[in-house]
Every structure is written in C-alpha cells, then in structure tokens.
Amino acid sequence: MSQDKRNRVCPVELADGLDSKIRKLLQNPQKILSPYLEPGMTVLDIGCGPGVFSIEMAKMVGAAGRVIAADLQEGMLEKLAGKIKGTELEKMIGLHKCENERIGVSDKVDFALAFYMVHEVPDKTSFLKEVHSILKPGGKALIVEPKFHVSKKDFEMMLVSVADLGFGIVEKPKIFFSRAALLSRAI
C-alpha cells in the first residue's frame, strides 16, 4: 500500500508524544467524549494508538460497557496492553488488530471514535462505509482531524460524502487545533 505524506501512519516510536500530559490537557478525553458516552455502551476507538482515549472511554462506559481498541500496529496495542495489565480496565478493553485495508470489527457498536487518523487512510470512502456498517442503528461516530494535516476544504469535502454513505451530521464540536464532526447512522 503506497502512502503519501498525508497517509503515513504515525509510528509506534512517537506513541509517547500522543500520550503526553500537555496533549491530555489540550485535548482532554473526558471533556471531548463525555457528551456522547454513557455507562453500558459498546464503543470503538479506531486507531487507538497507546490508548489515551480508550482508557478514558472505558471509565465512562463502566463495567457494564465495553471498549474495542483497534489499531493497525501491533506495537500500539502492546503499549495499551501494558498500561491496563492487571487493572479492572483489562476486562473492559478488548484489543483488536486491524487489517491493512479494513478495521475488521464484527461487533456492532453504539459509538466509534476516529481521532487524528482518517487522514492516514488511503481509501476514506471504504473506511467510512465500514464505520457505518459497524455502528448500531442510531449509533454515532466522532471524526476528529488535525488542522495541520487536513485543510478545511478537504474536511468539508469528506463531510459532503458522508451523506451518501447513510450518515447525518449531528454537530461540529470545537476541539483544540482540530476539525471535528459528530456523525449519526440513520436508523
């Protein structure tokens, strides 16, 4: 799979930067996700990296809920596994290795998060179709992209295409240094 500069996957060696205290302050997972998550939900963190959002999602959905932390890189999943090993979160977070061209999750979820990773996907239409197929009817997906990688024009073009895939745009939440859209799967 050939990748240009915008489609390059963030390497495992940079995982610590994704998990910094400064990032958690500027892009607080609790603050970003609490309006959308409830106890008992099944949620999917696509491109989970070292688990910054996965861990907080697990706390929000609680013991009755479930988080599927999905990543293309085994090294990222290993970092997350190391963080949750021996904790109650280990039972709540399932690790899933994606395929090169597919997420590959068969479970239906109430909510999916794709934080700073859609720009890394070569075939965004296929990716978004698969996200749609994973969501339960009425389920929601939060797509967040970095302003420094994704232009406003490119993000808006992606949002135009999601309607054809069966998504509605619920809102465009404000997230520091990001472009974001909350999508809903039609019932």
N, C-alpha and C. Protein backbone atom coordinates (compact mmCIF):
# COMPACT_ATOMS: atom_id res chain seq x y z
N MET A 1 0.85 -1.16 0.00
CA MET A 1 0.00 0.00 0.00
C MET A 1 0.90 1.23 0.00
N SER A 2 0.82 2.02 -1.07
CA SER A 2 1.64 3.22 -1.13
C SER A 2 0.96 4.34 -0.35
N GLN A 3 1.77 5.12 0.31
CA GLN A 3 1.23 6.20 1.13
C GLN A 3 1.99 7.47 0.87
N ASP A 4 1.25 8.56 0.62
CA ASP A 4 1.93 9.84 0.52
C ASP A 4 2.10 10.39 1.93
N LYS A 5 2.63 11.59 2.02
CA LYS A 5 2.94 12.19 3.32
C LYS A 5 1.72 12.27 4.22
N ARG A 6 0.53 12.58 3.65
CA ARG A 6 -0.67 12.71 4.47
C ARG A 6 -1.22 11.36 4.90
N ASN A 7 -0.87 10.30 4.20
CA ASN A 7 -1.40 8.97 4.53
C ASN A 7 -0.44 8.15 5.38
N ARG A 8 0.65 8.73 5.82
CA ARG A 8 1.63 8.00 6.61
C ARG A 8 1.08 7.74 8.01
N VAL A 9 1.17 6.50 8.45
CA VAL A 9 0.68 6.12 9.78
C VAL A 9 1.70 6.57 10.82
N CYS A 10 1.19 7.15 11.90
CA CYS A 10 2.06 7.60 13.00
C CYS A 10 2.83 6.41 13.56
N PRO A 11 4.16 6.45 13.55
CA PRO A 11 4.94 5.30 14.01
C PRO A 11 4.86 5.09 15.53
N VAL A 12 5.02 3.85 15.93
CA VAL A 12 4.98 3.48 17.34
C VAL A 12 6.01 4.28 18.14
N GLU A 13 7.13 4.61 17.54
CA GLU A 13 8.19 5.36 18.23
C GLU A 13 7.71 6.73 18.71
N LEU A 14 6.64 7.26 18.11
CA LEU A 14 6.11 8.56 18.52
C LEU A 14 4.93 8.43 19.47
N ALA A 15 4.64 7.23 19.94
CA ALA A 15 3.47 6.98 20.80
C ALA A 15 3.50 7.79 22.09
N ASP A 16 4.68 7.98 22.64
CA ASP A 16 4.77 8.73 23.90
C ASP A 16 4.30 10.17 23.72
N GLY A 17 4.55 10.75 22.55
CA GLY A 17 4.08 12.10 22.26
C GLY A 17 2.56 12.18 22.20
N LEU A 18 1.93 11.08 21.78
CA LEU A 18 0.46 11.03 21.73
C LEU A 18 -0.14 10.94 23.13
N ASP A 19 0.67 10.52 24.08
CA ASP A 19 0.21 10.24 25.44
C ASP A 19 0.74 11.27 26.45
N SER A 20 1.06 12.47 25.97
CA SER A 20 1.67 13.46 26.85
C SER A 20 0.64 14.17 27.73
N LYS A 21 1.12 14.71 28.85
CA LYS A 21 0.25 15.46 29.76
C LYS A 21 -0.27 16.71 29.09
N ILE A 22 0.54 17.34 28.27
CA ILE A 22 0.11 18.56 27.57
C ILE A 22 -1.04 18.24 26.63
N ARG A 23 -0.92 17.15 25.88
CA ARG A 23 -2.00 16.78 24.97
C ARG A 23 -3.28 16.50 25.75
N LYS A 24 -3.16 15.76 26.85
CA LYS A 24 -4.35 15.44 27.65
C LYS A 24 -5.00 16.69 28.22
N LEU A 25 -4.19 17.72 28.45
CA LEU A 25 -4.73 18.99 28.93
C LEU A 25 -5.46 19.72 27.80
N LEU A 26 -4.84 19.78 26.62
CA LEU A 26 -5.42 20.50 25.49
C LEU A 26 -6.55 19.73 24.80
N GLN A 27 -6.44 18.41 24.80
CA GLN A 27 -7.45 17.56 24.17
C GLN A 27 -7.90 16.52 25.20
N ASN A 28 -8.56 17.01 26.23
CA ASN A 28 -8.98 16.18 27.35
C ASN A 28 -10.02 15.16 26.91
N PRO A 29 -9.69 13.86 26.96
CA PRO A 29 -10.63 12.83 26.51
C PRO A 29 -11.98 12.86 27.24
N GLN A 30 -11.96 13.11 28.55
CA GLN A 30 -13.21 13.17 29.31
C GLN A 30 -14.09 14.31 28.80
N LYS A 31 -13.50 15.46 28.62
CA LYS A 31 -14.25 16.64 28.18
C LYS A 31 -14.79 16.43 26.76
N ILE A 32 -13.98 15.86 25.88
CA ILE A 32 -14.38 15.66 24.49
C ILE A 32 -15.48 14.60 24.37
N LEU A 33 -15.36 13.50 25.10
CA LEU A 33 -16.24 12.36 24.90
C LEU A 33 -17.43 12.25 25.84
N SER A 34 -17.38 12.91 26.99
CA SER A 34 -18.47 12.74 27.96
C SER A 34 -19.86 13.10 27.43
N PRO A 35 -20.00 14.04 26.49
CA PRO A 35 -21.35 14.29 25.98
C PRO A 35 -21.94 13.12 25.17
N TYR A 36 -21.10 12.19 24.73
CA TYR A 36 -21.54 11.15 23.81
C TYR A 36 -21.58 9.75 24.41
N LEU A 37 -20.91 9.53 25.54
CA LEU A 37 -20.81 8.19 26.09
C LEU A 37 -21.63 8.05 27.37
N GLU A 38 -22.18 6.84 27.54
CA GLU A 38 -22.97 6.52 28.73
C GLU A 38 -22.56 5.15 29.24
N PRO A 39 -22.78 4.90 30.53
CA PRO A 39 -22.48 3.57 31.07
C PRO A 39 -23.24 2.48 30.28
N GLY A 40 -22.56 1.37 30.06
CA GLY A 40 -23.16 0.23 29.38
C GLY A 40 -22.98 0.21 27.87
N MET A 41 -22.46 1.27 27.29
CA MET A 41 -22.27 1.32 25.83
C MET A 41 -21.13 0.42 25.38
N THR A 42 -21.21 -0.02 24.13
CA THR A 42 -20.09 -0.66 23.45
C THR A 42 -19.53 0.39 22.50
N VAL A 43 -18.24 0.68 22.65
CA VAL A 43 -17.62 1.74 21.87
C VAL A 43 -16.35 1.24 21.19
N LEU A 44 -15.99 1.92 20.11
CA LEU A 44 -14.85 1.53 19.30
C LEU A 44 -13.91 2.73 19.18
N ASP A 45 -12.65 2.52 19.51
CA ASP A 45 -11.60 3.53 19.35
C ASP A 45 -10.73 3.08 18.18
N ILE A 46 -10.97 3.68 17.01
CA ILE A 46 -10.27 3.28 15.78
C ILE A 46 -8.95 4.04 15.70
N GLY A 47 -7.85 3.32 15.55
CA GLY A 47 -6.54 3.94 15.56
C GLY A 47 -6.22 4.40 16.97
N CYS A 48 -6.40 3.49 17.91
CA CYS A 48 -6.31 3.82 19.35
C CYS A 48 -4.93 4.25 19.80
N GLY A 49 -3.90 3.93 19.03
CA GLY A 49 -2.55 4.29 19.45
C GLY A 49 -2.25 3.70 20.82
N PRO A 50 -1.61 4.48 21.70
CA PRO A 50 -1.25 3.97 23.02
C PRO A 50 -2.41 3.98 24.03
N GLY A 51 -3.62 4.33 23.57
CA GLY A 51 -4.80 4.18 24.41
C GLY A 51 -5.25 5.40 25.19
N VAL A 52 -4.80 6.58 24.82
CA VAL A 52 -5.18 7.80 25.52
C VAL A 52 -6.70 7.90 25.65
N PHE A 53 -7.41 7.68 24.54
CA PHE A 53 -8.87 7.77 24.56
C PHE A 53 -9.51 6.47 25.02
N SER A 54 -8.93 5.34 24.69
CA SER A 54 -9.51 4.04 25.06
C SER A 54 -9.69 3.90 26.57
N ILE A 55 -8.67 4.29 27.30
CA ILE A 55 -8.72 4.16 28.77
C ILE A 55 -9.82 5.04 29.35
N GLU A 56 -9.91 6.27 28.87
CA GLU A 56 -10.95 7.17 29.37
C GLU A 56 -12.34 6.71 28.93
N MET A 57 -12.44 6.16 27.72
CA MET A 57 -13.72 5.63 27.25
C MET A 57 -14.19 4.50 28.16
N ALA A 58 -13.26 3.64 28.57
CA ALA A 58 -13.61 2.52 29.45
C ALA A 58 -14.15 3.03 30.78
N LYS A 59 -13.53 4.07 31.31
CA LYS A 59 -14.01 4.64 32.58
C LYS A 59 -15.42 5.19 32.41
N MET A 60 -15.73 5.76 31.24
CA MET A 60 -17.04 6.36 31.01
C MET A 60 -18.14 5.32 30.77
N VAL A 61 -17.81 4.22 30.08
CA VAL A 61 -18.84 3.20 29.82
C VAL A 61 -18.97 2.23 30.98
N GLY A 62 -17.99 2.21 31.86
CA GLY A 62 -18.06 1.41 33.08
C GLY A 62 -18.00 -0.09 32.86
N ALA A 63 -18.16 -0.81 33.96
CA ALA A 63 -18.03 -2.27 33.94
C ALA A 63 -19.08 -2.94 33.07
N ALA A 64 -20.24 -2.30 32.90
CA ALA A 64 -21.30 -2.87 32.05
C ALA A 64 -21.06 -2.58 30.57
N GLY A 65 -20.11 -1.71 30.28
CA GLY A 65 -19.80 -1.36 28.91
C GLY A 65 -18.57 -2.09 28.39
N ARG A 66 -18.19 -1.74 27.18
CA ARG A 66 -17.04 -2.40 26.56
C ARG A 66 -16.39 -1.46 25.56
N VAL A 67 -15.07 -1.46 25.53
CA VAL A 67 -14.30 -0.69 24.56
C VAL A 67 -13.54 -1.66 23.67
N ILE A 68 -13.64 -1.43 22.38
CA ILE A 68 -12.81 -2.16 21.42
C ILE A 68 -11.74 -1.16 20.97
N ALA A 69 -10.51 -1.42 21.33
CA ALA A 69 -9.38 -0.56 20.96
C ALA A 69 -8.73 -1.20 19.74
N ALA A 70 -8.88 -0.54 18.60
CA ALA A 70 -8.41 -1.10 17.33
C ALA A 70 -7.25 -0.27 16.77
N ASP A 71 -6.22 -0.95 16.32
CA ASP A 71 -5.10 -0.26 15.70
C ASP A 71 -4.46 -1.18 14.66
N LEU A 72 -3.85 -0.54 13.68
CA LEU A 72 -3.17 -1.25 12.60
C LEU A 72 -1.82 -1.81 13.08
N GLN A 73 -1.24 -1.17 14.09
CA GLN A 73 0.10 -1.53 14.53
C GLN A 73 0.08 -2.32 15.83
N GLU A 74 0.66 -3.46 15.79
CA GLU A 74 0.75 -4.33 16.97
C GLU A 74 1.46 -3.61 18.12
N GLY A 75 2.47 -2.81 17.79
CA GLY A 75 3.22 -2.09 18.82
C GLY A 75 2.36 -1.13 19.63
N MET A 76 1.41 -0.48 18.97
CA MET A 76 0.50 0.42 19.69
C MET A 76 -0.40 -0.39 20.64
N LEU A 77 -0.90 -1.52 20.17
CA LEU A 77 -1.74 -2.36 21.01
C LEU A 77 -0.96 -2.90 22.20
N GLU A 78 0.32 -3.22 21.98
CA GLU A 78 1.16 -3.70 23.08
C GLU A 78 1.36 -2.62 24.14
N LYS A 79 1.51 -1.38 23.71
CA LYS A 79 1.65 -0.27 24.67
C LYS A 79 0.40 -0.15 25.53
N LEU A 80 -0.76 -0.22 24.89
CA LEU A 80 -2.03 -0.14 25.63
C LEU A 80 -2.18 -1.34 26.55
N ALA A 81 -1.86 -2.52 26.07
CA ALA A 81 -1.96 -3.73 26.89
C ALA A 81 -1.10 -3.61 28.14
N GLY A 82 0.09 -3.05 27.99
CA GLY A 82 0.97 -2.86 29.13
C GLY A 82 0.40 -1.91 30.18
N LYS A 83 -0.32 -0.89 29.72
CA LYS A 83 -0.92 0.08 30.65
C LYS A 83 -2.07 -0.51 31.46
N ILE A 84 -2.85 -1.39 30.84
CA ILE A 84 -4.05 -1.89 31.51
C ILE A 84 -3.86 -3.24 32.18
N LYS A 85 -2.71 -3.87 31.95
CA LYS A 85 -2.46 -5.20 32.52
C LYS A 85 -2.60 -5.17 34.04
N GLY A 86 -3.40 -6.09 34.56
CA GLY A 86 -3.59 -6.23 36.00
C GLY A 86 -4.56 -5.22 36.60
N THR A 87 -5.23 -4.43 35.77
CA THR A 87 -6.22 -3.47 36.29
C THR A 87 -7.62 -3.92 35.88
N GLU A 88 -8.63 -3.27 36.46
CA GLU A 88 -10.01 -3.60 36.09
C GLU A 88 -10.29 -3.21 34.64
N LEU A 89 -9.51 -2.31 34.08
CA LEU A 89 -9.69 -1.89 32.69
C LEU A 89 -9.38 -3.02 31.70
N GLU A 90 -8.55 -3.95 32.13
CA GLU A 90 -8.17 -5.07 31.26
C GLU A 90 -9.39 -5.88 30.82
N LYS A 91 -10.40 -5.99 31.70
CA LYS A 91 -11.62 -6.73 31.38
C LYS A 91 -12.55 -5.91 30.49
N MET A 92 -12.41 -4.60 30.50
CA MET A 92 -13.33 -3.72 29.78
C MET A 92 -12.84 -3.32 28.40
N ILE A 93 -11.53 -3.45 28.16
CA ILE A 93 -10.95 -3.03 26.89
C ILE A 93 -10.47 -4.26 26.13
N GLY A 94 -11.07 -4.49 24.97
CA GLY A 94 -10.63 -5.56 24.09
C GLY A 94 -9.72 -4.99 23.02
N LEU A 95 -8.59 -5.61 22.79
CA LEU A 95 -7.64 -5.15 21.78
C LEU A 95 -7.92 -5.84 20.46
N HIS A 96 -7.88 -5.07 19.38
CA HIS A 96 -8.17 -5.61 18.05
C HIS A 96 -7.14 -5.08 17.05
N LYS A 97 -6.47 -5.99 16.37
CA LYS A 97 -5.51 -5.61 15.32
C LYS A 97 -6.26 -5.49 14.00
N CYS A 98 -6.23 -4.29 13.42
CA CYS A 98 -6.88 -4.05 12.12
C CYS A 98 -6.07 -4.70 11.00
N GLU A 99 -6.74 -4.93 9.90
CA GLU A 99 -6.06 -5.37 8.68
C GLU A 99 -5.59 -4.12 7.94
N ASN A 100 -4.76 -4.30 6.91
CA ASN A 100 -4.25 -3.16 6.16
C ASN A 100 -5.35 -2.30 5.55
N GLU A 101 -6.36 -2.92 5.01
CA GLU A 101 -7.40 -2.17 4.30
C GLU A 101 -8.76 -2.22 5.00
N ARG A 102 -8.82 -2.77 6.22
CA ARG A 102 -10.10 -2.91 6.91
C ARG A 102 -9.92 -2.78 8.41
N ILE A 103 -10.96 -2.27 9.05
CA ILE A 103 -10.96 -2.26 10.51
C ILE A 103 -11.14 -3.70 10.98
N GLY A 104 -12.09 -4.41 10.38
CA GLY A 104 -12.27 -5.83 10.65
C GLY A 104 -12.99 -6.17 11.95
N VAL A 105 -13.75 -5.23 12.50
CA VAL A 105 -14.52 -5.49 13.71
C VAL A 105 -15.91 -5.97 13.31
N SER A 106 -16.34 -7.09 13.88
CA SER A 106 -17.66 -7.63 13.51
C SER A 106 -18.75 -7.23 14.51
N ASP A 107 -18.37 -6.84 15.72
CA ASP A 107 -19.35 -6.41 16.72
C ASP A 107 -19.98 -5.09 16.31
N LYS A 108 -21.24 -4.89 16.68
CA LYS A 108 -21.91 -3.62 16.46
C LYS A 108 -21.67 -2.73 17.67
N VAL A 109 -21.45 -1.44 17.42
CA VAL A 109 -21.12 -0.52 18.50
C VAL A 109 -22.08 0.66 18.53
N ASP A 110 -22.18 1.26 19.71
CA ASP A 110 -23.02 2.44 19.90
C ASP A 110 -22.30 3.71 19.45
N PHE A 111 -20.98 3.69 19.56
CA PHE A 111 -20.19 4.89 19.30
C PHE A 111 -18.82 4.48 18.77
N ALA A 112 -18.34 5.23 17.78
CA ALA A 112 -16.99 5.00 17.24
C ALA A 112 -16.23 6.32 17.25
N LEU A 113 -14.97 6.25 17.61
CA LEU A 113 -14.09 7.42 17.60
C LEU A 113 -12.97 7.18 16.61
N ALA A 114 -12.76 8.16 15.74
CA ALA A 114 -11.61 8.14 14.83
C ALA A 114 -10.88 9.48 15.05
N PHE A 115 -9.93 9.47 15.97
CA PHE A 115 -9.25 10.70 16.37
C PHE A 115 -7.89 10.78 15.70
N TYR A 116 -7.72 11.78 14.84
CA TYR A 116 -6.46 12.06 14.17
C TYR A 116 -5.94 10.87 13.36
N MET A 117 -6.84 10.14 12.70
CA MET A 117 -6.35 9.01 11.93
C MET A 117 -6.98 8.87 10.54
N VAL A 118 -8.10 9.49 10.27
CA VAL A 118 -8.75 9.31 8.96
C VAL A 118 -7.83 9.79 7.84
N HIS A 119 -7.07 10.85 8.08
CA HIS A 119 -6.16 11.34 7.05
C HIS A 119 -5.07 10.31 6.70
N GLU A 120 -4.86 9.32 7.56
CA GLU A 120 -3.86 8.28 7.31
C GLU A 120 -4.41 7.14 6.44
N VAL A 121 -5.72 7.14 6.19
CA VAL A 121 -6.37 6.06 5.46
C VAL A 121 -6.38 6.37 3.96
N PRO A 122 -5.82 5.49 3.14
CA PRO A 122 -5.79 5.75 1.69
C PRO A 122 -7.18 5.81 1.05
N ASP A 123 -8.10 4.91 1.42
CA ASP A 123 -9.44 4.88 0.83
C ASP A 123 -10.46 5.29 1.89
N LYS A 124 -10.67 6.60 1.99
CA LYS A 124 -11.55 7.13 3.04
C LYS A 124 -13.01 6.71 2.85
N THR A 125 -13.45 6.58 1.61
CA THR A 125 -14.84 6.17 1.36
C THR A 125 -15.08 4.77 1.89
N SER A 126 -14.19 3.83 1.59
CA SER A 126 -14.34 2.46 2.09
C SER A 126 -14.27 2.43 3.61
N PHE A 127 -13.37 3.23 4.16
CA PHE A 127 -13.24 3.30 5.61
C PHE A 127 -14.55 3.77 6.25
N LEU A 128 -15.10 4.86 5.74
CA LEU A 128 -16.33 5.41 6.31
C LEU A 128 -17.52 4.48 6.11
N LYS A 129 -17.55 3.76 4.98
CA LYS A 129 -18.60 2.74 4.78
C LYS A 129 -18.51 1.67 5.85
N GLU A 130 -17.28 1.25 6.16
CA GLU A 130 -17.11 0.22 7.17
C GLU A 130 -17.50 0.74 8.56
N VAL A 131 -17.14 1.97 8.86
CA VAL A 131 -17.55 2.55 10.15
C VAL A 131 -19.07 2.55 10.23
N HIS A 132 -19.72 2.95 9.17
CA HIS A 132 -21.19 2.96 9.12
C HIS A 132 -21.75 1.56 9.39
N SER A 133 -21.14 0.55 8.79
CA SER A 133 -21.63 -0.83 8.94
C SER A 133 -21.42 -1.38 10.36
N ILE A 134 -20.45 -0.84 11.08
CA ILE A 134 -20.16 -1.29 12.44
C ILE A 134 -21.11 -0.66 13.46
N LEU A 135 -21.58 0.54 13.16
CA LEU A 135 -22.46 1.24 14.09
C LEU A 135 -23.85 0.60 14.16
N LYS A 136 -24.40 0.57 15.36
CA LYS A 136 -25.79 0.16 15.53
C LYS A 136 -26.68 1.25 14.92
N PRO A 137 -27.93 0.93 14.53
CA PRO A 137 -28.82 1.99 14.07
C PRO A 137 -28.93 3.09 15.13
N GLY A 138 -28.77 4.33 14.71
CA GLY A 138 -28.76 5.45 15.64
C GLY A 138 -27.41 5.69 16.30
N GLY A 139 -26.43 4.81 16.02
CA GLY A 139 -25.10 4.97 16.59
C GLY A 139 -24.40 6.20 16.05
N LYS A 140 -23.40 6.65 16.77
CA LYS A 140 -22.70 7.87 16.39
C LYS A 140 -21.21 7.62 16.22
N ALA A 141 -20.61 8.43 15.36
CA ALA A 141 -19.16 8.38 15.14
C ALA A 141 -18.63 9.80 15.24
N LEU A 142 -17.55 9.95 15.99
CA LEU A 142 -16.88 11.24 16.10
C LEU A 142 -15.58 11.16 15.29
N ILE A 143 -15.52 12.00 14.26
CA ILE A 143 -14.33 12.08 13.41
C ILE A 143 -13.61 13.37 13.78
N VAL A 144 -12.34 13.26 14.17
CA VAL A 144 -11.54 14.42 14.54
C VAL A 144 -10.24 14.36 13.75
N GLU A 145 -9.94 15.46 13.05
CA GLU A 145 -8.74 15.52 12.24
C GLU A 145 -7.90 16.74 12.61
N PRO A 146 -6.57 16.62 12.50
CA PRO A 146 -5.70 17.75 12.85
C PRO A 146 -5.71 18.82 11.76
N LYS A 147 -5.84 20.07 12.18
CA LYS A 147 -5.84 21.17 11.21
C LYS A 147 -4.54 21.23 10.43
N PHE A 148 -3.44 20.81 11.03
CA PHE A 148 -2.15 20.89 10.35
C PHE A 148 -1.97 19.81 9.27
N HIS A 149 -2.86 18.81 9.22
CA HIS A 149 -2.80 17.78 8.17
C HIS A 149 -3.97 17.86 7.20
N VAL A 150 -5.10 18.35 7.67
CA VAL A 150 -6.33 18.32 6.87
C VAL A 150 -6.87 19.73 6.71
N SER A 151 -6.94 20.18 5.47
CA SER A 151 -7.45 21.52 5.20
C SER A 151 -8.95 21.57 5.45
N LYS A 152 -9.46 22.77 5.65
CA LYS A 152 -10.90 22.96 5.85
C LYS A 152 -11.66 22.43 4.63
N LYS A 153 -11.14 22.72 3.45
CA LYS A 153 -11.77 22.28 2.20
C LYS A 153 -11.84 20.75 2.14
N ASP A 154 -10.74 20.07 2.44
CA ASP A 154 -10.72 18.60 2.40
C ASP A 154 -11.68 18.01 3.44
N PHE A 155 -11.73 18.61 4.63
CA PHE A 155 -12.62 18.11 5.67
C PHE A 155 -14.08 18.30 5.24
N GLU A 156 -14.40 19.45 4.70
CA GLU A 156 -15.77 19.71 4.24
C GLU A 156 -16.15 18.78 3.09
N MET A 157 -15.21 18.49 2.20
CA MET A 157 -15.49 17.54 1.10
C MET A 157 -15.81 16.16 1.66
N MET A 158 -15.08 15.73 2.70
CA MET A 158 -15.36 14.45 3.33
C MET A 158 -16.77 14.46 3.92
N LEU A 159 -17.15 15.56 4.55
CA LEU A 159 -18.47 15.64 5.17
C LEU A 159 -19.58 15.62 4.13
N VAL A 160 -19.35 16.17 2.96
CA VAL A 160 -20.34 16.10 1.88
C VAL A 160 -20.55 14.64 1.48
N SER A 161 -19.47 13.88 1.44
CA SER A 161 -19.56 12.47 1.01
C SER A 161 -20.25 11.56 2.02
N VAL A 162 -20.24 11.93 3.31
CA VAL A 162 -20.81 11.03 4.32
C VAL A 162 -22.32 10.88 4.21
N ALA A 163 -22.99 11.89 3.67
CA ALA A 163 -24.44 11.80 3.50
C ALA A 163 -24.80 10.67 2.55
N ASP A 164 -24.00 10.49 1.51
CA ASP A 164 -24.23 9.39 0.55
C ASP A 164 -24.00 8.02 1.18
N LEU A 165 -23.29 7.98 2.29
CA LEU A 165 -22.99 6.71 2.96
C LEU A 165 -24.01 6.38 4.05
N GLY A 166 -24.98 7.26 4.26
CA GLY A 166 -26.01 7.00 5.26
C GLY A 166 -25.79 7.66 6.60
N PHE A 167 -24.91 8.66 6.62
CA PHE A 167 -24.66 9.41 7.85
C PHE A 167 -25.38 10.76 7.80
N GLY A 168 -25.76 11.22 8.97
CA GLY A 168 -26.19 12.60 9.13
C GLY A 168 -25.15 13.30 9.98
N ILE A 169 -24.98 14.59 9.76
CA ILE A 169 -24.05 15.37 10.58
C ILE A 169 -24.85 15.96 11.74
N VAL A 170 -24.51 15.55 12.95
CA VAL A 170 -25.23 15.99 14.15
C VAL A 170 -24.71 17.35 14.60
N GLU A 171 -23.39 17.48 14.66
CA GLU A 171 -22.76 18.72 15.10
C GLU A 171 -21.29 18.72 14.71
N LYS A 172 -20.69 19.89 14.81
CA LYS A 172 -19.25 20.05 14.58
C LYS A 172 -18.66 20.61 15.87
N PRO A 173 -18.32 19.72 16.80
CA PRO A 173 -17.80 20.19 18.09
C PRO A 173 -16.46 20.89 17.94
N LYS A 174 -16.22 21.83 18.83
CA LYS A 174 -14.95 22.56 18.87
C LYS A 174 -13.96 21.76 19.69
N ILE A 175 -12.87 21.36 19.05
CA ILE A 175 -11.80 20.62 19.71
C ILE A 175 -10.49 21.30 19.33
N PHE A 176 -9.67 21.57 20.33
CA PHE A 176 -8.44 22.33 20.14
C PHE A 176 -7.64 21.86 18.93
N PHE A 177 -7.30 22.80 18.05
CA PHE A 177 -6.45 22.60 16.88
C PHE A 177 -6.94 21.47 15.98
N SER A 178 -8.26 21.32 15.90
CA SER A 178 -8.83 20.19 15.15
C SER A 178 -10.04 20.61 14.34
N ARG A 179 -10.38 19.75 13.40
CA ARG A 179 -11.65 19.82 12.68
C ARG A 179 -12.42 18.57 13.12
N ALA A 180 -13.67 18.74 13.50
CA ALA A 180 -14.41 17.60 14.05
C ALA A 180 -15.85 17.59 13.58
N ALA A 181 -16.40 16.38 13.49
CA ALA A 181 -17.81 16.21 13.17
C ALA A 181 -18.34 14.97 13.87
N LEU A 182 -19.50 15.15 14.49
CA LEU A 182 -20.22 14.03 15.07
C LEU A 182 -21.23 13.57 14.04
N LEU A 183 -21.10 12.31 13.62
CA LEU A 183 -21.98 11.73 12.62
C LEU A 183 -22.93 10.76 13.27
N SER A 184 -24.11 10.62 12.70
CA SER A 184 -25.10 9.68 13.22
C SER A 184 -25.51 8.74 12.10
N ARG A 185 -25.61 7.46 12.43
CA ARG A 185 -26.07 6.48 11.46
C ARG A 185 -27.59 6.51 11.45
N ALA A 186 -28.15 6.68 10.27
CA ALA A 186 -29.61 6.67 10.15
C ALA A 186 -30.14 5.31 10.57
N ILE A 187 -31.33 5.30 11.15
CA ILE A 187 -31.91 4.05 11.65
C ILE A 187 -32.43 3.19 10.54
